[in-house]
Amino acid sequence: MNVLKGDCHPDWNRDVGFRVLKIDTSNMKDIYYRPDELSQGDLLEAVDNVKPDRVPEDLLFQVLVDWGVDLTLPIRSEPLQGKTVFFVDDNALVACFDIGITEDLVKELARHEPLRVVFRDNGFVSDAVKINVEQIFRQLSPSTEVRSL
């Protein structure tokens, strides 16, 4: 995060109240290949579909644009169980793009009853947790729309 430099009041957090966004290429890796050109080693590269130079904020703003969420809504990040979780307009959207998401974290997020929640597709500690995410939300927050990148 870029912070304004210089002398100012010690209580000012240097937030000037607006965001500057720029158009960039997709956050997702290009996966254009022919099956006969694909080797077994290439399959391991396809496990993570996000470009390696992208940060969680990049993914968050992609989700906001994809879902048509107002980009001026307040966003806060909060550490939960050692993971960074983004809350957009409190519970309009909850997002976690960290690796190692556990079932306990999923349950904690479901208790917030967000309208939408999004995770990184390969961010779960196991396939079982990934499979159970929708069921957990169906039980604890049935109106939440669940997606993964």
C-alpha atoms as a PDB file:
ATOM      1  CA  MET A   1       0.000   0.000   0.000  1.00  0.00           C
ATOM      2  CA  ASN A   2       1.353   3.409  -0.919  1.00  0.00           C
ATOM      3  CA  VAL A   3       1.184   5.882   1.926  1.00  0.00           C
ATOM      4  CA  LEU A   4       1.570   9.632   1.660  1.00  0.00           C
ATOM      5  CA  LYS A   5       4.901  10.828   2.994  1.00  0.00           C
ATOM      6  CA  GLY A   6       5.742  14.032   4.828  1.00  0.00           C
ATOM      7  CA  ASP A   7       4.891  15.924   7.980  1.00  0.00           C
ATOM      8  CA  CYS A   8       1.289  15.788   9.106  1.00  0.00           C
ATOM      9  CA  HIS A   9      -0.809  15.430  12.223  1.00  0.00           C
ATOM     10  CA  PRO A  10       0.300  12.285  14.119  1.00  0.00           C
ATOM     11  CA  ASP A  11      -3.291  10.970  14.333  1.00  0.00           C
ATOM     12  CA  TRP A  12      -3.931  11.215  10.572  1.00  0.00           C
ATOM     13  CA  ASN A  13      -3.722   7.811   8.884  1.00  0.00           C
ATOM     14  CA  ARG A  14      -2.923   9.437   5.507  1.00  0.00           C
ATOM     15  CA  ASP A  15      -6.155   8.178   3.974  1.00  0.00           C
ATOM     16  CA  VAL A  16      -7.252  10.813   1.483  1.00  0.00           C
ATOM     17  CA  GLY A  17     -10.615   9.186   0.842  1.00  0.00           C
ATOM     18  CA  PHE A  18     -10.454   7.820  -2.687  1.00  0.00           C
ATOM     19  CA  ARG A  19      -9.144   4.858  -4.628  1.00  0.00           C
ATOM     20  CA  VAL A  20      -7.189   4.959  -7.836  1.00  0.00           C
ATOM     21  CA  LEU A  21      -7.734   1.929 -10.042  1.00  0.00           C
ATOM     22  CA  LYS A  22      -6.134   1.038 -13.346  1.00  0.00           C
ATOM     23  CA  ILE A  23      -7.010  -1.459 -16.022  1.00  0.00           C
ATOM     24  CA  ASP A  24      -4.634  -4.404 -16.157  1.00  0.00           C
ATOM     25  CA  THR A  25      -4.529  -7.832 -17.697  1.00  0.00           C
ATOM     26  CA  SER A  26      -6.492 -10.678 -16.181  1.00  0.00           C
ATOM     27  CA  ASN A  27      -5.491 -12.091 -12.812  1.00  0.00           C
ATOM     28  CA  MET A  28      -5.890 -15.581 -14.216  1.00  0.00           C
ATOM     29  CA  LYS A  29      -3.146 -17.487 -16.001  1.00  0.00           C
ATOM     30  CA  ASP A  30      -3.492 -17.962 -19.726  1.00  0.00           C
ATOM     31  CA  ILE A  31      -4.319 -21.586 -20.350  1.00  0.00           C
ATOM     32  CA  TYR A  32      -4.248 -21.836 -24.099  1.00  0.00           C
ATOM     33  CA  TYR A  33      -2.720 -25.132 -25.130  1.00  0.00           C
ATOM     34  CA  ARG A  34      -3.411 -28.062 -27.352  1.00  0.00           C
ATOM     35  CA  PRO A  35      -3.905 -31.428 -25.654  1.00  0.00           C
ATOM     36  CA  ASP A  36      -1.191 -33.055 -27.760  1.00  0.00           C
ATOM     37  CA  GLU A  37       1.294 -30.392 -26.575  1.00  0.00           C
ATOM     38  CA  LEU A  38       0.545 -30.937 -22.887  1.00  0.00           C
ATOM     39  CA  SER A  39       2.904 -32.994 -20.750  1.00  0.00           C
ATOM     40  CA  GLN A  40       2.278 -34.447 -17.316  1.00  0.00           C
ATOM     41  CA  GLY A  41       4.621 -31.857 -15.784  1.00  0.00           C
ATOM     42  CA  ASP A  42       2.472 -29.069 -17.240  1.00  0.00           C
ATOM     43  CA  LEU A  43      -0.490 -30.290 -15.209  1.00  0.00           C
ATOM     44  CA  LEU A  44       1.165 -29.221 -11.952  1.00  0.00           C
ATOM     45  CA  GLU A  45       1.374 -25.656 -13.249  1.00  0.00           C
ATOM     46  CA  ALA A  46      -2.372 -25.706 -13.899  1.00  0.00           C
ATOM     47  CA  VAL A  47      -3.173 -26.328 -10.219  1.00  0.00           C
ATOM     48  CA  ASP A  48      -2.960 -22.618  -9.405  1.00  0.00           C
ATOM     49  CA  ASN A  49      -4.930 -20.584 -11.923  1.00  0.00           C
ATOM     50  CA  VAL A  50      -3.879 -17.168 -10.539  1.00  0.00           C
ATOM     51  CA  LYS A  51      -0.861 -15.356 -11.956  1.00  0.00           C
ATOM     52  CA  PRO A  52       1.998 -15.461  -9.420  1.00  0.00           C
ATOM     53  CA  ASP A  53       2.497 -11.672  -9.298  1.00  0.00           C
ATOM     54  CA  ARG A  54      -1.075 -10.942  -8.156  1.00  0.00           C
ATOM     55  CA  VAL A  55      -1.924  -9.873  -4.624  1.00  0.00           C
ATOM     56  CA  PRO A  56      -5.203 -10.529  -2.785  1.00  0.00           C
ATOM     57  CA  GLU A  57      -6.411  -6.971  -3.439  1.00  0.00           C
ATOM     58  CA  ASP A  58      -6.110  -7.620  -7.191  1.00  0.00           C
ATOM     59  CA  LEU A  59      -8.352 -10.652  -6.833  1.00  0.00           C
ATOM     60  CA  LEU A  60     -10.787  -8.757  -4.617  1.00  0.00           C
ATOM     61  CA  PHE A  61     -11.290  -5.966  -7.135  1.00  0.00           C
ATOM     62  CA  GLN A  62     -11.708  -8.502  -9.935  1.00  0.00           C
ATOM     63  CA  VAL A  63     -14.505 -10.123  -7.927  1.00  0.00           C
ATOM     64  CA  LEU A  64     -16.094  -6.731  -7.220  1.00  0.00           C
ATOM     65  CA  VAL A  65     -16.143  -5.908 -10.932  1.00  0.00           C
ATOM     66  CA  ASP A  66     -17.325  -9.398 -11.959  1.00  0.00           C
ATOM     67  CA  TRP A  67     -20.208  -9.289  -9.478  1.00  0.00           C
ATOM     68  CA  GLY A  68     -21.081  -5.676 -10.240  1.00  0.00           C
ATOM     69  CA  VAL A  69     -20.419  -4.548  -6.676  1.00  0.00           C
ATOM     70  CA  ASP A  70     -19.969  -0.794  -6.228  1.00  0.00           C
ATOM     71  CA  LEU A  71     -16.229  -0.063  -6.064  1.00  0.00           C
ATOM     72  CA  THR A  72     -16.801   2.817  -3.646  1.00  0.00           C
ATOM     73  CA  LEU A  73     -18.177   0.619  -0.854  1.00  0.00           C
ATOM     74  CA  PRO A  74     -16.075   0.474   2.309  1.00  0.00           C
ATOM     75  CA  ILE A  75     -13.595  -2.402   2.471  1.00  0.00           C
ATOM     76  CA  ARG A  76     -11.825  -3.629   5.556  1.00  0.00           C
ATOM     77  CA  SER A  77      -9.405  -6.490   5.962  1.00  0.00           C
ATOM     78  CA  GLU A  78      -9.365  -8.471   9.148  1.00  0.00           C
ATOM     79  CA  PRO A  79      -7.142 -11.330  10.285  1.00  0.00           C
ATOM     80  CA  LEU A  80      -9.200 -14.406  11.161  1.00  0.00           C
ATOM     81  CA  GLN A  81      -7.500 -17.645  12.182  1.00  0.00           C
ATOM     82  CA  GLY A  82      -4.255 -16.439  10.637  1.00  0.00           C
ATOM     83  CA  LYS A  83      -5.827 -15.611   7.264  1.00  0.00           C
ATOM     84  CA  THR A  84      -6.614 -12.222   5.725  1.00  0.00           C
ATOM     85  CA  VAL A  85     -10.347 -11.826   5.174  1.00  0.00           C
ATOM     86  CA  PHE A  86     -11.877  -8.895   3.287  1.00  0.00           C
ATOM     87  CA  PHE A  87     -15.280  -7.546   4.293  1.00  0.00           C
ATOM     88  CA  VAL A  88     -16.916  -5.312   1.693  1.00  0.00           C
ATOM     89  CA  ASP A  89     -19.677  -3.093   3.100  1.00  0.00           C
ATOM     90  CA  ASP A  90     -19.661  -5.263   6.222  1.00  0.00           C
ATOM     91  CA  ASN A  91     -21.367  -8.363   4.808  1.00  0.00           C
ATOM     92  CA  ALA A  92     -22.181  -7.545   1.181  1.00  0.00           C
ATOM     93  CA  LEU A  93     -19.143  -9.610   0.204  1.00  0.00           C
ATOM     94  CA  VAL A  94     -16.630 -11.595   2.231  1.00  0.00           C
ATOM     95  CA  ALA A  95     -13.469 -12.824   0.518  1.00  0.00           C
ATOM     96  CA  CYS A  96     -10.436 -14.849   1.522  1.00  0.00           C
ATOM     97  CA  PHE A  97      -7.767 -15.618  -1.061  1.00  0.00           C
ATOM     98  CA  ASP A  98      -5.179 -17.142   1.271  1.00  0.00           C
ATOM     99  CA  ILE A  99      -3.930 -20.703   1.016  1.00  0.00           C
ATOM    100  CA  GLY A 100      -4.769 -23.181   3.785  1.00  0.00           C
ATOM    101  CA  ILE A 101      -8.420 -22.343   4.471  1.00  0.00           C
ATOM    102  CA  THR A 102      -9.827 -24.702   7.090  1.00  0.00           C
ATOM    103  CA  GLU A 103     -13.349 -25.855   7.832  1.00  0.00           C
ATOM    104  CA  ASP A 104     -13.258 -23.842  11.075  1.00  0.00           C
ATOM    105  CA  LEU A 105     -12.575 -20.638   9.133  1.00  0.00           C
ATOM    106  CA  VAL A 106     -15.372 -21.453   6.677  1.00  0.00           C
ATOM    107  CA  LYS A 107     -17.790 -21.926   9.592  1.00  0.00           C
ATOM    108  CA  GLU A 108     -16.676 -18.663  11.182  1.00  0.00           C
ATOM    109  CA  LEU A 109     -17.264 -16.806   7.911  1.00  0.00           C
ATOM    110  CA  ALA A 110     -20.662 -18.464   7.477  1.00  0.00           C
ATOM    111  CA  ARG A 111     -21.705 -17.193  10.912  1.00  0.00           C
ATOM    112  CA  HIS A 112     -21.280 -13.636   9.561  1.00  0.00           C
ATOM    113  CA  GLU A 113     -24.100 -14.479   7.096  1.00  0.00           C
ATOM    114  CA  PRO A 114     -22.675 -12.540   4.137  1.00  0.00           C
ATOM    115  CA  LEU A 115     -24.648 -12.028   0.933  1.00  0.00           C
ATOM    116  CA  ARG A 116     -21.702 -13.407  -1.052  1.00  0.00           C
ATOM    117  CA  VAL A 117     -18.475 -15.188  -0.214  1.00  0.00           C
ATOM    118  CA  VAL A 118     -15.537 -16.032  -2.446  1.00  0.00           C
ATOM    119  CA  PHE A 119     -12.408 -18.123  -1.969  1.00  0.00           C
ATOM    120  CA  ARG A 120      -9.382 -18.995  -4.030  1.00  0.00           C
ATOM    121  CA  ASP A 121     -10.083 -22.294  -5.792  1.00  0.00           C
ATOM    122  CA  ASN A 122      -6.931 -23.995  -4.550  1.00  0.00           C
ATOM    123  CA  GLY A 123      -6.945 -22.236  -1.170  1.00  0.00           C
ATOM    124  CA  PHE A 124      -8.420 -25.035   0.911  1.00  0.00           C
ATOM    125  CA  VAL A 125      -6.366 -27.354   3.109  1.00  0.00           C
ATOM    126  CA  SER A 126      -8.017 -30.377   1.513  1.00  0.00           C
ATOM    127  CA  ASP A 127     -10.491 -31.394  -1.157  1.00  0.00           C
ATOM    128  CA  ALA A 128     -12.897 -32.417   1.613  1.00  0.00           C
ATOM    129  CA  VAL A 129     -13.016 -28.852   2.963  1.00  0.00           C
ATOM    130  CA  LYS A 130     -13.552 -27.478  -0.535  1.00  0.00           C
ATOM    131  CA  ILE A 131     -16.417 -29.904  -1.134  1.00  0.00           C
ATOM    132  CA  ASN A 132     -18.027 -29.092   2.233  1.00  0.00           C
ATOM    133  CA  VAL A 133     -17.985 -25.295   1.819  1.00  0.00           C
ATOM    134  CA  GLU A 134     -21.365 -25.109   0.097  1.00  0.00           C
ATOM    135  CA  GLN A 135     -22.950 -27.463   2.635  1.00  0.00           C
ATOM    136  CA  ILE A 136     -21.588 -25.441   5.549  1.00  0.00           C
ATOM    137  CA  PHE A 137     -23.018 -22.242   4.101  1.00  0.00           C
ATOM    138  CA  ARG A 138     -26.292 -23.975   3.256  1.00  0.00           C
ATOM    139  CA  GLN A 139     -26.656 -24.889   6.945  1.00  0.00           C
ATOM    140  CA  LEU A 140     -25.337 -21.733   8.628  1.00  0.00           C
ATOM    141  CA  SER A 141     -26.124 -19.036   6.051  1.00  0.00           C
ATOM    142  CA  PRO A 142     -28.499 -20.415   3.408  1.00  0.00           C
ATOM    143  CA  SER A 143     -28.898 -17.155   1.479  1.00  0.00           C
ATOM    144  CA  THR A 144     -25.142 -16.717   0.881  1.00  0.00           C
ATOM    145  CA  GLU A 145     -23.914 -17.083  -2.695  1.00  0.00           C
ATOM    146  CA  VAL A 146     -20.645 -19.071  -2.654  1.00  0.00           C
ATOM    147  CA  ARG A 147     -17.973 -18.909  -5.370  1.00  0.00           C
ATOM    148  CA  SER A 148     -14.329 -19.679  -5.883  1.00  0.00           C
ATOM    149  CA  LEU A 149     -11.741 -18.253  -8.274  1.00  0.00           C
END
